[in-house]
Amino acid sequence: MCAATVGGLSLEGIDVAKETVIQGTVTKDGQPVGGAYVRLLDAGGEFTAEVPTSATGQFRFFAAPGTWTLRTLAPGASVDRSVAAQRGQVAEIAVAV
């Protein structure tokens, strides 16, 4: 059973209208992957930021509007996902490794 918040991470205390949020969950075989690393790469493929996933496989970035690549690194797996981020919207990404 997954303990992740339904609909993703809580946005309590975040003024989404003023932010560009990219967040999601990393899973393997339907189970959350804690301790994976998610990298944020800009449109040119340059490293911008990296966060570890929580025990429930969740991650979050605050980014500039635009097109980004999420590179997820977990034991035995590397997965790239493209994401378009817009100010005032939450880009919710599910990554299966």
Protein backbone atom coordinates (compact mmCIF):
# COMPACT_ATOMS: atom_id res chain seq x y z
CA MET A 1 0.00 0.00 0.00
CA CYS A 2 1.36 3.42 -0.94
CA ALA A 3 1.36 6.16 1.69
CA ALA A 4 1.67 8.96 -0.88
CA THR A 5 -0.82 11.81 -0.72
CA VAL A 6 -3.61 11.27 -3.25
CA GLY A 7 -2.94 13.66 -6.12
CA GLY A 8 0.72 14.11 -5.18
CA LEU A 9 2.57 16.21 -2.64
CA SER A 10 0.63 18.67 -0.53
CA LEU A 11 0.63 22.21 -1.89
CA GLU A 12 -0.31 23.73 1.45
CA GLY A 13 1.52 27.02 1.98
CA ILE A 14 2.57 27.33 -1.68
CA ASP A 15 1.09 30.14 -3.78
CA VAL A 16 0.81 28.10 -6.97
CA ALA A 17 -0.33 31.16 -8.94
CA LYS A 18 3.15 32.68 -8.46
CA GLU A 19 5.22 29.49 -8.83
CA THR A 20 6.22 27.01 -11.52
CA VAL A 21 6.09 23.62 -9.82
CA ILE A 22 7.30 20.28 -11.17
CA GLN A 23 6.61 17.37 -8.86
CA GLY A 24 5.85 13.70 -8.95
CA THR A 25 6.45 10.19 -7.74
CA VAL A 26 9.01 7.55 -8.70
CA THR A 27 7.82 3.93 -8.59
CA LYS A 28 9.12 0.48 -9.48
CA ASP A 29 6.64 -2.35 -9.95
CA GLY A 30 3.93 -0.07 -8.51
CA GLN A 31 5.84 0.62 -5.28
CA PRO A 32 7.39 3.99 -4.33
CA VAL A 33 11.16 4.28 -4.70
CA GLY A 34 12.73 6.25 -1.84
CA GLY A 35 16.30 7.44 -2.17
CA ALA A 36 16.30 7.70 -5.97
CA TYR A 37 17.69 10.92 -7.44
CA VAL A 38 15.78 13.16 -9.82
CA ARG A 39 17.77 15.68 -11.84
CA LEU A 40 16.36 18.74 -13.55
CA LEU A 41 18.01 19.46 -16.91
CA ASP A 42 17.33 22.60 -18.95
CA ALA A 43 16.32 22.67 -22.63
CA GLY A 44 20.00 22.36 -23.63
CA GLY A 45 20.52 19.31 -21.40
CA GLU A 46 22.51 21.22 -18.78
CA PHE A 47 22.24 20.15 -15.14
CA THR A 48 20.20 22.63 -13.07
CA ALA A 49 19.23 20.86 -9.84
CA GLU A 50 18.91 17.47 -8.17
CA VAL A 51 16.77 16.16 -5.31
CA PRO A 52 16.45 12.74 -3.67
CA THR A 53 13.01 11.16 -3.54
CA SER A 54 11.30 10.89 -0.17
CA ALA A 55 10.53 7.55 1.48
CA THR A 56 7.24 7.66 -0.47
CA GLY A 57 9.05 8.23 -3.79
CA GLN A 58 8.04 11.87 -4.10
CA PHE A 59 10.04 14.85 -5.40
CA ARG A 60 9.44 18.55 -6.14
CA PHE A 61 11.21 21.32 -8.04
CA PHE A 62 10.46 25.03 -8.32
CA ALA A 63 11.60 25.99 -11.81
CA ALA A 64 11.30 28.68 -14.45
CA PRO A 65 8.54 28.22 -17.04
CA GLY A 66 9.69 26.18 -20.03
CA THR A 67 10.60 22.73 -21.23
CA TRP A 68 12.69 20.60 -18.90
CA THR A 69 14.00 17.05 -18.73
CA LEU A 70 13.68 15.03 -15.54
CA ARG A 71 16.42 12.39 -15.29
CA THR A 72 15.58 9.81 -12.65
CA LEU A 73 18.43 7.68 -11.31
CA ALA A 74 17.50 4.62 -9.27
CA PRO A 75 19.40 1.38 -8.65
CA GLY A 76 19.66 -0.35 -12.02
CA ALA A 77 17.68 2.30 -13.91
CA SER A 78 17.94 5.71 -15.54
CA VAL A 79 14.79 7.27 -17.03
CA ASP A 80 14.42 10.61 -18.84
CA ARG A 81 11.05 12.36 -19.05
CA SER A 82 10.30 15.65 -20.80
CA VAL A 83 8.03 18.08 -18.98
CA ALA A 84 6.54 21.45 -19.94
CA ALA A 85 6.24 23.71 -16.91
CA GLN A 86 4.01 26.77 -16.70
CA ARG A 87 3.69 29.38 -13.99
CA GLY A 88 0.45 28.91 -12.08
CA GLN A 89 0.20 25.20 -12.88
CA VAL A 90 1.59 22.11 -11.22
CA ALA A 91 3.27 19.67 -13.60
CA GLU A 92 2.58 16.29 -11.97
CA ILE A 93 4.87 13.54 -13.30
CA ALA A 94 4.74 9.81 -12.61
CA VAL A 95 8.05 8.04 -13.30
CA ALA A 96 8.23 4.25 -13.45
CA VAL A 97 11.76 2.82 -13.32
